[in-house]
Amino acid sequence: RHDGTWRSVGAVAIGVVHGAAGPGAVLGVLPAVALRRSSLVFGYFAGFCVATVATMGAFAASYGEVTSRLGDAHGTRVRSILRRVSAGACLAVGAAWIALSASGRGAEPEAV
């Protein structure tokens, strides 16, 4: 069954797992270690999560809007090219991420 709700839930779940696996998780945890009160830790984590989701959402929405408008303005051929370029960029970033992680340089922000 192809239900848009389940696709959205799956995308969010994968995004959360992916976000927790990257160096962003370290940036989320380290400052919280210095906080002494649980209310401050909870507030920090809530703010970190909201800011992360808002930033990723804004980037994705902006990219989607720009590529959609370009495709609408220039037709099917440009839309197809944009899809291929976007997919290629995703694969390149993923491959670079894997290579950096495998080499031990992917988790330290100063190493990149």
N, C-alpha and C. Protein backbone atom coordinates (compact mmCIF):
# COMPACT_ATOMS: atom_id res chain seq x y z
N ARG A 1 0.84 -1.18 0.00
CA ARG A 1 0.00 0.00 0.00
C ARG A 1 0.88 1.24 0.00
N HIS A 2 0.57 2.18 -0.85
CA HIS A 2 1.35 3.41 -0.96
C HIS A 2 0.60 4.53 -0.27
N ASP A 3 0.90 4.72 0.98
CA ASP A 3 0.26 5.74 1.79
C ASP A 3 1.26 6.85 2.06
N GLY A 4 0.92 8.08 1.69
CA GLY A 4 1.83 9.21 1.88
C GLY A 4 2.21 9.43 3.33
N THR A 5 1.31 9.12 4.25
CA THR A 5 1.61 9.30 5.67
C THR A 5 2.75 8.39 6.09
N TRP A 6 2.71 7.12 5.68
CA TRP A 6 3.76 6.19 6.07
C TRP A 6 5.09 6.56 5.44
N ARG A 7 5.06 7.10 4.24
CA ARG A 7 6.31 7.55 3.60
C ARG A 7 6.90 8.71 4.39
N SER A 8 6.03 9.63 4.84
CA SER A 8 6.51 10.77 5.62
C SER A 8 7.07 10.32 6.96
N VAL A 9 6.38 9.41 7.62
CA VAL A 9 6.85 8.90 8.91
C VAL A 9 8.19 8.19 8.72
N GLY A 10 8.30 7.40 7.67
CA GLY A 10 9.56 6.71 7.39
C GLY A 10 10.70 7.67 7.11
N ALA A 11 10.41 8.72 6.35
CA ALA A 11 11.44 9.72 6.05
C ALA A 11 11.92 10.42 7.31
N VAL A 12 10.99 10.77 8.18
CA VAL A 12 11.36 11.43 9.44
C VAL A 12 12.18 10.48 10.31
N ALA A 13 11.75 9.23 10.40
CA ALA A 13 12.47 8.26 11.23
C ALA A 13 13.90 8.05 10.71
N ILE A 14 14.05 7.92 9.41
CA ILE A 14 15.40 7.75 8.84
C ILE A 14 16.22 9.00 9.09
N GLY A 15 15.61 10.18 8.96
CA GLY A 15 16.32 11.43 9.21
C GLY A 15 16.80 11.54 10.65
N VAL A 16 15.96 11.11 11.59
CA VAL A 16 16.35 11.17 13.01
C VAL A 16 17.51 10.23 13.28
N VAL A 17 17.44 9.02 12.75
CA VAL A 17 18.52 8.06 12.96
C VAL A 17 19.81 8.57 12.30
N HIS A 18 19.68 9.08 11.09
CA HIS A 18 20.85 9.62 10.40
C HIS A 18 21.45 10.79 11.17
N GLY A 19 20.61 11.69 11.65
CA GLY A 19 21.10 12.84 12.42
C GLY A 19 21.80 12.43 13.71
N ALA A 20 21.28 11.40 14.35
CA ALA A 20 21.88 10.93 15.60
C ALA A 20 23.21 10.23 15.36
N ALA A 21 23.43 9.74 14.15
CA ALA A 21 24.65 9.00 13.85
C ALA A 21 25.81 9.91 13.47
N GLY A 22 25.55 11.12 13.09
CA GLY A 22 26.60 12.00 12.59
C GLY A 22 27.27 12.81 13.69
N PRO A 23 28.19 13.68 13.29
CA PRO A 23 28.90 14.51 14.26
C PRO A 23 27.98 15.50 14.96
N GLY A 24 26.81 15.75 14.39
CA GLY A 24 25.85 16.64 15.05
C GLY A 24 25.42 16.11 16.40
N ALA A 25 25.39 14.79 16.53
CA ALA A 25 25.02 14.20 17.82
C ALA A 25 26.04 14.56 18.90
N VAL A 26 27.32 14.60 18.51
CA VAL A 26 28.36 14.99 19.46
C VAL A 26 28.14 16.44 19.88
N LEU A 27 27.83 17.29 18.92
CA LEU A 27 27.57 18.70 19.24
C LEU A 27 26.32 18.84 20.11
N GLY A 28 25.41 17.89 20.00
CA GLY A 28 24.23 17.93 20.83
C GLY A 28 24.48 17.46 22.25
N VAL A 29 25.41 16.54 22.42
CA VAL A 29 25.65 15.94 23.73
C VAL A 29 26.69 16.71 24.55
N LEU A 30 27.78 17.11 23.95
CA LEU A 30 28.87 17.72 24.71
C LEU A 30 28.45 18.96 25.51
N PRO A 31 27.77 19.93 24.94
CA PRO A 31 27.37 21.08 25.75
C PRO A 31 26.41 20.69 26.89
N ALA A 32 25.57 19.70 26.64
CA ALA A 32 24.62 19.29 27.67
C ALA A 32 25.32 18.67 28.87
N VAL A 33 26.49 18.08 28.67
CA VAL A 33 27.25 17.48 29.78
C VAL A 33 27.63 18.54 30.80
N ALA A 34 27.89 19.76 30.33
CA ALA A 34 28.30 20.83 31.23
C ALA A 34 27.14 21.41 32.04
N LEU A 35 25.91 21.15 31.60
CA LEU A 35 24.75 21.69 32.32
C LEU A 35 24.46 20.83 33.54
N ARG A 36 24.15 21.47 34.63
CA ARG A 36 23.99 20.73 35.90
C ARG A 36 22.54 20.41 36.24
N ARG A 37 21.60 21.18 35.72
CA ARG A 37 20.19 20.94 36.06
C ARG A 37 19.50 20.23 34.91
N SER A 38 18.64 19.27 35.25
CA SER A 38 17.96 18.50 34.21
C SER A 38 17.05 19.37 33.36
N SER A 39 16.48 20.42 33.94
CA SER A 39 15.62 21.30 33.14
C SER A 39 16.43 22.03 32.07
N LEU A 40 17.67 22.39 32.38
CA LEU A 40 18.53 23.04 31.39
C LEU A 40 18.95 22.06 30.30
N VAL A 41 19.24 20.81 30.70
CA VAL A 41 19.61 19.79 29.73
C VAL A 41 18.44 19.54 28.78
N PHE A 42 17.24 19.38 29.33
CA PHE A 42 16.06 19.15 28.50
C PHE A 42 15.82 20.35 27.57
N GLY A 43 15.94 21.54 28.10
CA GLY A 43 15.76 22.74 27.28
C GLY A 43 16.78 22.83 26.16
N TYR A 44 18.02 22.49 26.48
CA TYR A 44 19.07 22.51 25.45
C TYR A 44 18.77 21.50 24.35
N PHE A 45 18.44 20.26 24.75
CA PHE A 45 18.14 19.24 23.75
C PHE A 45 16.92 19.60 22.91
N ALA A 46 15.90 20.13 23.54
CA ALA A 46 14.70 20.54 22.80
C ALA A 46 15.06 21.63 21.79
N GLY A 47 15.81 22.63 22.22
CA GLY A 47 16.23 23.69 21.30
C GLY A 47 17.11 23.17 20.18
N PHE A 48 18.02 22.27 20.52
CA PHE A 48 18.91 21.68 19.52
C PHE A 48 18.10 20.92 18.48
N CYS A 49 17.14 20.12 18.93
CA CYS A 49 16.31 19.35 18.00
C CYS A 49 15.47 20.26 17.12
N VAL A 50 14.84 21.25 17.72
CA VAL A 50 13.99 22.18 16.95
C VAL A 50 14.84 22.94 15.92
N ALA A 51 15.99 23.43 16.34
CA ALA A 51 16.85 24.19 15.42
C ALA A 51 17.37 23.29 14.29
N THR A 52 17.72 22.07 14.61
CA THR A 52 18.22 21.14 13.59
C THR A 52 17.13 20.81 12.57
N VAL A 53 15.95 20.47 13.05
CA VAL A 53 14.85 20.14 12.15
C VAL A 53 14.45 21.36 11.32
N ALA A 54 14.39 22.53 11.94
CA ALA A 54 14.02 23.73 11.21
C ALA A 54 15.04 24.07 10.13
N THR A 55 16.31 23.93 10.44
CA THR A 55 17.36 24.22 9.46
C THR A 55 17.33 23.23 8.30
N MET A 56 17.24 21.95 8.61
CA MET A 56 17.18 20.96 7.54
C MET A 56 15.92 21.13 6.71
N GLY A 57 14.81 21.41 7.37
CA GLY A 57 13.55 21.62 6.66
C GLY A 57 13.60 22.85 5.76
N ALA A 58 14.19 23.92 6.26
CA ALA A 58 14.29 25.14 5.45
C ALA A 58 15.18 24.91 4.24
N PHE A 59 16.29 24.20 4.43
CA PHE A 59 17.17 23.90 3.30
C PHE A 59 16.45 23.04 2.27
N ALA A 60 15.80 21.98 2.73
CA ALA A 60 15.11 21.07 1.81
C ALA A 60 13.97 21.79 1.08
N ALA A 61 13.21 22.61 1.81
CA ALA A 61 12.11 23.34 1.18
C ALA A 61 12.64 24.34 0.15
N SER A 62 13.70 25.04 0.48
CA SER A 62 14.29 26.01 -0.45
C SER A 62 14.83 25.32 -1.69
N TYR A 63 15.56 24.24 -1.50
CA TYR A 63 16.11 23.50 -2.64
C TYR A 63 14.97 22.96 -3.51
N GLY A 64 13.96 22.40 -2.87
CA GLY A 64 12.82 21.88 -3.62
C GLY A 64 12.09 22.96 -4.39
N GLU A 65 11.91 24.11 -3.79
CA GLU A 65 11.22 25.22 -4.46
C GLU A 65 12.01 25.72 -5.66
N VAL A 66 13.31 25.91 -5.47
CA VAL A 66 14.15 26.41 -6.57
C VAL A 66 14.18 25.41 -7.72
N THR A 67 14.40 24.14 -7.43
CA THR A 67 14.47 23.16 -8.51
C THR A 67 13.10 22.96 -9.17
N SER A 68 12.04 23.03 -8.39
CA SER A 68 10.70 22.91 -8.96
C SER A 68 10.40 24.07 -9.91
N ARG A 69 10.73 25.27 -9.49
CA ARG A 69 10.49 26.43 -10.36
C ARG A 69 11.34 26.37 -11.63
N LEU A 70 12.59 25.93 -11.48
CA LEU A 70 13.44 25.79 -12.67
C LEU A 70 12.85 24.76 -13.63
N GLY A 71 12.41 23.64 -13.08
CA GLY A 71 11.80 22.59 -13.91
C GLY A 71 10.53 23.06 -14.58
N ASP A 72 9.69 23.79 -13.84
CA ASP A 72 8.44 24.31 -14.42
C ASP A 72 8.72 25.33 -15.51
N ALA A 73 9.73 26.16 -15.30
CA ALA A 73 10.03 27.22 -16.26
C ALA A 73 10.70 26.70 -17.53
N HIS A 74 11.45 25.62 -17.40
CA HIS A 74 12.26 25.18 -18.55
C HIS A 74 11.88 23.81 -19.10
N GLY A 75 10.88 23.18 -18.55
CA GLY A 75 10.36 21.96 -19.15
C GLY A 75 10.91 20.65 -18.61
N THR A 76 10.47 19.59 -19.28
CA THR A 76 10.75 18.23 -18.85
C THR A 76 12.23 17.89 -18.90
N ARG A 77 12.94 18.37 -19.90
CA ARG A 77 14.36 18.05 -20.03
C ARG A 77 15.16 18.59 -18.85
N VAL A 78 14.92 19.86 -18.48
CA VAL A 78 15.62 20.47 -17.35
C VAL A 78 15.23 19.78 -16.05
N ARG A 79 13.95 19.43 -15.91
CA ARG A 79 13.49 18.72 -14.71
C ARG A 79 14.23 17.39 -14.57
N SER A 80 14.39 16.67 -15.68
CA SER A 80 15.10 15.40 -15.66
C SER A 80 16.57 15.61 -15.28
N ILE A 81 17.19 16.63 -15.84
CA ILE A 81 18.59 16.93 -15.52
C ILE A 81 18.73 17.27 -14.03
N LEU A 82 17.81 18.08 -13.51
CA LEU A 82 17.86 18.46 -12.10
C LEU A 82 17.73 17.23 -11.19
N ARG A 83 16.86 16.31 -11.56
CA ARG A 83 16.72 15.08 -10.77
C ARG A 83 18.02 14.28 -10.76
N ARG A 84 18.64 14.16 -11.92
CA ARG A 84 19.88 13.40 -12.00
C ARG A 84 21.02 14.08 -11.24
N VAL A 85 21.11 15.40 -11.37
CA VAL A 85 22.15 16.15 -10.66
C VAL A 85 21.93 16.03 -9.14
N SER A 86 20.68 16.17 -8.71
CA SER A 86 20.37 16.06 -7.28
C SER A 86 20.72 14.67 -6.75
N ALA A 87 20.34 13.64 -7.51
CA ALA A 87 20.65 12.27 -7.09
C ALA A 87 22.15 12.04 -7.06
N GLY A 88 22.85 12.55 -8.06
CA GLY A 88 24.31 12.42 -8.10
C GLY A 88 24.98 13.11 -6.92
N ALA A 89 24.48 14.30 -6.59
CA ALA A 89 25.04 15.03 -5.44
C ALA A 89 24.81 14.24 -4.15
N CYS A 90 23.64 13.66 -4.00
CA CYS A 90 23.37 12.83 -2.80
C CYS A 90 24.32 11.65 -2.72
N LEU A 91 24.51 10.99 -3.85
CA LEU A 91 25.44 9.84 -3.87
C LEU A 91 26.86 10.28 -3.57
N ALA A 92 27.28 11.42 -4.12
CA ALA A 92 28.65 11.91 -3.88
C ALA A 92 28.86 12.26 -2.42
N VAL A 93 27.89 12.95 -1.82
CA VAL A 93 28.00 13.32 -0.41
C VAL A 93 28.01 12.05 0.45
N GLY A 94 27.14 11.11 0.14
CA GLY A 94 27.11 9.85 0.89
C GLY A 94 28.41 9.08 0.79
N ALA A 95 28.96 9.01 -0.43
CA ALA A 95 30.24 8.30 -0.62
C ALA A 95 31.37 9.00 0.13
N ALA A 96 31.38 10.34 0.07
CA ALA A 96 32.42 11.09 0.80
C ALA A 96 32.27 10.87 2.30
N TRP A 97 31.04 10.87 2.79
CA TRP A 97 30.78 10.65 4.22
C TRP A 97 31.29 9.28 4.65
N ILE A 98 30.99 8.26 3.84
CA ILE A 98 31.44 6.90 4.16
C ILE A 98 32.96 6.83 4.13
N ALA A 99 33.57 7.43 3.11
CA ALA A 99 35.04 7.40 3.00
C ALA A 99 35.69 8.11 4.18
N LEU A 100 35.17 9.27 4.55
CA LEU A 100 35.74 10.00 5.69
C LEU A 100 35.55 9.23 6.99
N SER A 101 34.39 8.63 7.15
CA SER A 101 34.14 7.84 8.36
C SER A 101 35.05 6.62 8.42
N ALA A 102 35.22 5.95 7.28
CA ALA A 102 36.08 4.77 7.24
C ALA A 102 37.54 5.12 7.51
N SER A 103 37.94 6.32 7.11
CA SER A 103 39.33 6.72 7.33
C SER A 103 39.55 7.28 8.74
N GLY A 104 38.46 7.41 9.50
CA GLY A 104 38.57 7.93 10.85
C GLY A 104 38.55 9.45 10.93
N ARG A 105 38.26 10.11 9.84
CA ARG A 105 38.24 11.57 9.84
C ARG A 105 36.84 12.14 9.73
N GLY A 106 35.82 11.30 9.76
CA GLY A 106 34.46 11.77 9.54
C GLY A 106 33.76 12.31 10.77
N ALA A 107 34.23 11.99 11.95
CA ALA A 107 33.51 12.37 13.15
C ALA A 107 34.04 13.66 13.80
N GLU A 108 35.22 14.08 13.42
CA GLU A 108 35.80 15.27 14.04
C GLU A 108 35.58 16.47 13.13
N PRO A 109 34.80 17.47 13.58
CA PRO A 109 34.53 18.63 12.75
C PRO A 109 35.81 19.36 12.32
N GLU A 110 36.84 19.38 13.15
CA GLU A 110 38.07 20.10 12.79
C GLU A 110 38.89 19.36 11.73
N ALA A 111 38.62 18.07 11.51
CA ALA A 111 39.39 17.29 10.55
C ALA A 111 38.88 17.49 9.12
N VAL A 112 37.69 17.97 8.98
CA VAL A 112 37.09 18.11 7.64
C VAL A 112 37.48 19.38 6.99
